[in-house]
Protein backbone atom coordinates (compact mmCIF):
# COMPACT_ATOMS: atom_id res chain seq x y z
CA MET A 1 -0.01 0.00 0.01
CA ILE A 2 1.14 3.53 -0.74
CA ARG A 3 0.03 6.76 0.88
CA VAL A 4 -1.94 8.96 -1.51
CA TRP A 5 -4.46 11.18 0.27
CA ASP A 6 -3.26 13.38 3.14
CA ILE A 7 -5.46 14.10 6.18
CA PRO A 8 -6.54 17.60 5.01
CA VAL A 9 -7.93 16.16 1.73
CA ARG A 10 -9.69 13.34 3.56
CA LEU A 11 -11.23 15.65 6.13
CA PHE A 12 -12.35 18.02 3.43
CA HIS A 13 -14.01 15.23 1.46
CA TRP A 14 -16.03 13.79 4.35
CA LEU A 15 -16.91 17.14 5.94
CA LEU A 16 -18.17 18.23 2.48
CA VAL A 17 -20.28 15.07 2.18
CA LEU A 18 -21.92 15.73 5.56
CA ALA A 19 -22.39 19.45 4.86
CA VAL A 20 -24.08 18.86 1.49
CA ILE A 21 -26.43 16.27 3.05
CA GLY A 22 -27.23 18.81 5.78
CA LEU A 23 -27.90 21.51 3.21
CA PHE A 24 -30.42 19.43 1.33
CA VAL A 25 -32.15 18.26 4.51
CA THR A 26 -32.44 21.76 6.00
CA GLY A 27 -33.44 23.21 2.58
CA LYS A 28 -36.29 20.71 2.31
CA LEU A 29 -37.46 21.21 5.90
CA GLY A 30 -37.49 25.04 5.47
CA GLY A 31 -38.90 27.31 8.13
CA ASN A 32 -36.60 27.81 11.12
CA TRP A 33 -34.20 25.25 9.59
CA MET A 34 -33.15 27.82 7.04
CA GLU A 35 -30.99 29.47 9.67
CA TYR A 36 -28.94 26.26 9.83
CA HIS A 37 -29.11 26.06 6.02
CA GLN A 38 -27.38 29.43 5.75
CA LYS A 39 -24.74 28.50 8.30
CA LEU A 40 -24.06 25.22 6.47
CA GLY A 41 -23.75 27.34 3.31
CA ALA A 42 -21.00 29.38 4.97
CA PHE A 43 -19.31 26.16 6.10
CA VAL A 44 -19.39 24.81 2.47
CA LEU A 45 -17.94 28.04 1.19
CA GLY A 46 -15.11 27.75 3.67
CA LEU A 47 -14.44 24.15 2.58
CA VAL A 48 -14.37 25.13 -1.11
CA ILE A 49 -11.96 28.00 -0.39
CA PHE A 50 -9.76 25.59 1.57
CA ARG A 51 -9.71 23.02 -1.24
CA VAL A 52 -8.87 25.59 -3.87
CA ILE A 53 -5.96 26.90 -1.83
CA TRP A 54 -4.86 23.38 -0.87
CA GLY A 55 -5.04 22.54 -4.57
CA VAL A 56 -2.10 24.97 -4.99
CA LEU A 57 -0.18 24.56 -1.73
CA GLY A 58 -1.05 21.03 -0.70
CA GLY A 59 0.78 17.74 -1.15
CA PHE A 60 1.57 16.15 -4.52
CA HIS A 61 -1.79 14.39 -5.11
CA ALA A 62 -3.79 17.33 -3.75
CA ARG A 63 -2.35 19.89 -6.22
CA PHE A 64 -4.48 20.56 -9.28
CA VAL A 65 -1.40 20.74 -11.49
CA ASN A 66 -0.65 17.11 -10.76
CA PHE A 67 -4.05 15.63 -11.57
CA VAL A 68 -6.00 18.00 -13.85
CA ARG A 69 -5.24 16.89 -17.42
CA GLY A 70 -5.94 18.19 -20.91
CA PRO A 71 -8.94 17.24 -23.06
CA SER A 72 -6.98 14.78 -25.22
CA ILE A 73 -5.92 12.70 -22.16
CA VAL A 74 -9.46 12.78 -20.72
CA LEU A 75 -10.89 11.64 -24.02
CA ALA A 76 -8.35 8.86 -24.40
CA TYR A 77 -9.12 7.69 -20.89
CA MET A 78 -12.83 7.69 -21.59
CA LYS A 79 -12.35 5.60 -24.72
CA GLN A 80 -10.20 3.07 -22.84
CA LEU A 81 -12.81 3.00 -20.04
CA VAL A 82 -15.48 1.83 -22.44
CA GLY A 83 -13.16 -0.49 -24.28
CA LYS A 84 -12.70 1.59 -27.41
CA GLY A 85 -9.21 2.74 -26.91
CA ASP A 86 -5.92 1.33 -28.13
CA GLY A 87 -4.93 -1.68 -26.03
CA ASN A 88 -6.86 -3.45 -23.31
CA THR A 89 -5.24 -2.03 -20.25
CA LEU A 90 -6.79 0.97 -18.52
CA PRO A 91 -4.16 3.25 -17.05
CA THR A 92 -4.18 3.29 -13.26
CA TYR A 93 -3.55 6.52 -11.36
CA LEU A 94 -2.57 6.76 -7.77
CA GLY A 95 -4.42 10.04 -7.40
CA HIS A 96 -7.43 11.23 -9.30
CA ASN A 97 -7.77 9.78 -12.80
CA PRO A 98 -8.63 12.19 -15.68
CA MET A 99 -12.34 11.82 -15.23
CA GLY A 100 -12.10 11.98 -11.49
CA ALA A 101 -10.31 15.28 -11.84
CA LEU A 102 -13.24 16.67 -13.87
CA SER A 103 -15.59 15.53 -11.12
CA VAL A 104 -13.49 17.38 -8.52
CA LEU A 105 -13.48 20.59 -10.54
CA GLY A 106 -17.17 20.31 -11.40
CA LEU A 107 -18.25 19.82 -7.77
CA LEU A 108 -16.09 22.65 -6.51
CA LEU A 109 -17.55 24.93 -9.13
CA VAL A 110 -21.22 24.15 -8.51
CA LEU A 111 -20.89 24.12 -4.74
CA GLY A 112 -18.99 27.37 -4.77
CA PHE A 113 -21.72 28.96 -6.94
CA GLN A 114 -24.41 27.51 -4.66
CA ALA A 115 -22.86 29.07 -1.63
CA VAL A 116 -22.34 32.51 -3.25
CA SER A 117 -25.79 32.57 -4.95
CA GLY A 118 -27.36 31.75 -1.59
CA LEU A 119 -26.11 35.06 -0.32
CA PHE A 120 -28.53 36.87 -2.58
CA ALA A 121 -31.45 34.35 -2.73
CA ASP A 122 -34.89 35.34 -1.42
CA ASP A 123 -37.92 33.05 -1.36
CA ASP A 124 -40.25 36.02 -0.68
CA ILE A 125 -41.80 34.17 2.28
CA LEU A 126 -39.63 33.41 5.23
CA SER A 127 -36.01 33.20 4.18
CA SER A 128 -33.57 35.47 2.41
CA GLY A 129 -29.85 35.54 2.00
CA PRO A 130 -27.80 38.11 4.03
CA TYR A 131 -27.25 40.25 0.96
CA ALA A 132 -30.54 39.80 -0.86
CA ALA A 133 -31.57 43.39 -0.07
CA SER A 134 -28.26 44.70 -1.41
CA VAL A 135 -29.07 43.98 -5.04
CA ALA A 136 -31.99 44.77 -7.28
CA LYS A 137 -35.07 42.56 -6.89
CA GLY A 138 -34.66 41.20 -10.43
CA VAL A 139 -31.04 40.15 -9.71
CA SER A 140 -32.11 38.51 -6.46
CA ASP A 141 -34.95 36.67 -8.20
CA LEU A 142 -32.59 35.43 -10.92
CA LEU A 143 -30.01 34.20 -8.38
CA THR A 144 -32.76 32.54 -6.40
CA LYS A 145 -33.90 30.67 -9.52
CA LEU A 146 -30.33 29.68 -10.39
CA HIS A 147 -29.75 28.63 -6.75
CA LYS A 148 -32.69 26.18 -7.01
CA LEU A 149 -31.65 24.88 -10.45
CA ASN A 150 -28.05 24.47 -9.30
CA SER A 151 -29.21 22.31 -6.41
CA ASP A 152 -30.60 19.84 -8.99
CA LEU A 153 -27.22 19.95 -10.79
CA ILE A 154 -25.46 19.16 -7.54
CA LEU A 155 -27.72 16.12 -7.09
CA ILE A 156 -26.90 14.97 -10.61
CA LEU A 157 -23.19 15.35 -10.15
CA ALA A 158 -23.33 13.65 -6.77
CA GLY A 159 -25.23 10.74 -8.39
CA VAL A 160 -22.66 10.45 -11.17
CA HIS A 161 -19.89 10.54 -8.60
CA ILE A 162 -21.52 7.73 -6.56
CA ALA A 163 -22.14 5.73 -9.73
CA ALA A 164 -18.50 6.08 -10.71
CA ILE A 165 -17.41 4.86 -7.25
CA ALA A 166 -19.68 1.81 -7.63
CA PHE A 167 -18.38 1.13 -11.10
CA TYR A 168 -14.76 1.19 -9.93
CA PHE A 169 -15.66 -1.07 -6.95
CA PHE A 170 -17.66 -3.73 -8.74
CA VAL A 171 -16.08 -3.66 -12.21
CA LYS A 172 -12.50 -2.42 -11.74
CA LYS A 173 -12.17 -3.91 -8.20
CA GLU A 174 -10.86 -0.63 -6.82
CA ASN A 175 -12.17 0.53 -3.40
CA LEU A 176 -12.07 4.30 -3.68
CA VAL A 177 -14.13 4.86 -0.57
CA LYS A 178 -11.68 2.85 1.64
CA ALA A 179 -8.81 4.82 0.11
CA MET A 180 -10.45 8.09 1.04
CA PHE A 181 -10.75 6.83 4.63
CA THR A 182 -7.27 5.33 5.03
CA GLY A 183 -5.40 7.59 2.58
CA ARG A 184 -3.71 4.59 1.04
CA LYS A 185 -4.05 2.68 -2.21
CA PRO A 186 -2.47 -0.48 -3.60
CA ASN A 187 0.91 0.14 -5.30
CA THR A 188 0.33 -2.06 -8.31
CA ASP A 189 2.42 -2.37 -11.46
CA GLY A 190 1.74 0.19 -14.12
CA VAL A 191 0.54 2.85 -11.71
CA PHE A 192 1.22 6.36 -13.04
CA GLY A 193 3.29 8.26 -10.57
CA ALA A 194 3.75 5.38 -8.13
CA GLU A 195 7.07 6.83 -7.09
CA MET A 196 5.22 9.95 -5.82
CA ALA A 197 4.01 8.67 -2.47
CA GLU A 198 2.32 11.45 -0.52
CA THR A 199 4.68 12.90 2.01
CA GLY A 200 2.19 15.55 3.17
CA ARG A 201 2.61 19.12 4.24
CA PRO A 202 3.44 20.39 7.76
CA ALA A 203 0.38 20.37 10.00
CA TRP A 204 0.70 24.10 10.66
CA MET A 205 0.28 24.83 6.95
CA SER A 206 -3.07 23.03 6.75
CA TRP A 207 -4.26 24.72 9.95
CA LEU A 208 -3.25 28.13 8.60
CA VAL A 209 -5.14 27.48 5.32
CA ALA A 210 -8.15 26.21 7.26
CA ALA A 211 -8.12 29.30 9.54
CA PHE A 212 -7.88 31.64 6.63
CA SER A 213 -10.70 29.85 4.71
CA ALA A 214 -12.98 29.89 7.77
CA GLY A 215 -12.21 33.59 8.33
CA VAL A 216 -13.13 34.49 4.77
CA ALA A 217 -16.29 32.45 4.87
CA TYR A 218 -17.38 33.96 8.21
CA ALA A 219 -16.59 37.50 6.97
CA VAL A 220 -18.79 36.87 3.86
CA PHE A 221 -21.69 35.39 5.79
CA ILE A 222 -21.31 37.47 8.96
CA LYS A 223 -24.81 38.97 8.43
CA ALA A 224 -26.23 35.49 8.58
CA PHE A 225 -24.76 35.03 12.09
CA THR A 226 -25.96 38.28 13.64
């Protein structure tokens, strides 16, 4: 086994899962639960900010530059995945594979937009974002509509993500969930970048990035907490 995912990446992943579930539950319940919905939105914004920064400063497999690949590589991987590429062996990546990288970027984008649009959303009944009154009613209405539509997109992407995990578990015999808990994956022959075992970053660096991200999120959502 070889270490791939550092503790900050694993904590980010599972905290995000719990936060997104909480957002959908509180959003459906409505009423007084919207107070918690807004606070969870602030938490998600902080997580997204953290992951973006950690994607630049983090360990080898956390950095975007080491797992985000160009369209040609993604397309070639997709063809091999469905058995239409050259050769019969699907490349194995220690970190995110080319399609997994797209999933990471897509989820960060839609969740970041969801958190920001929620600042200006207004249901015209009981709940409104902390900055809904700071923009024109038409702008707020548009962002409210996009906020609701984007929640459906998040569900779709989450479903695709879960389906991909199931595919890799049952078809490719690769347990991605276990790897995200333990941080380790099998060091098999043919793995791309197998020599790049994750050495991690100093703990103080992750705490500093986390504190900065939490500070920014709180400053943005401060009206929702007062």
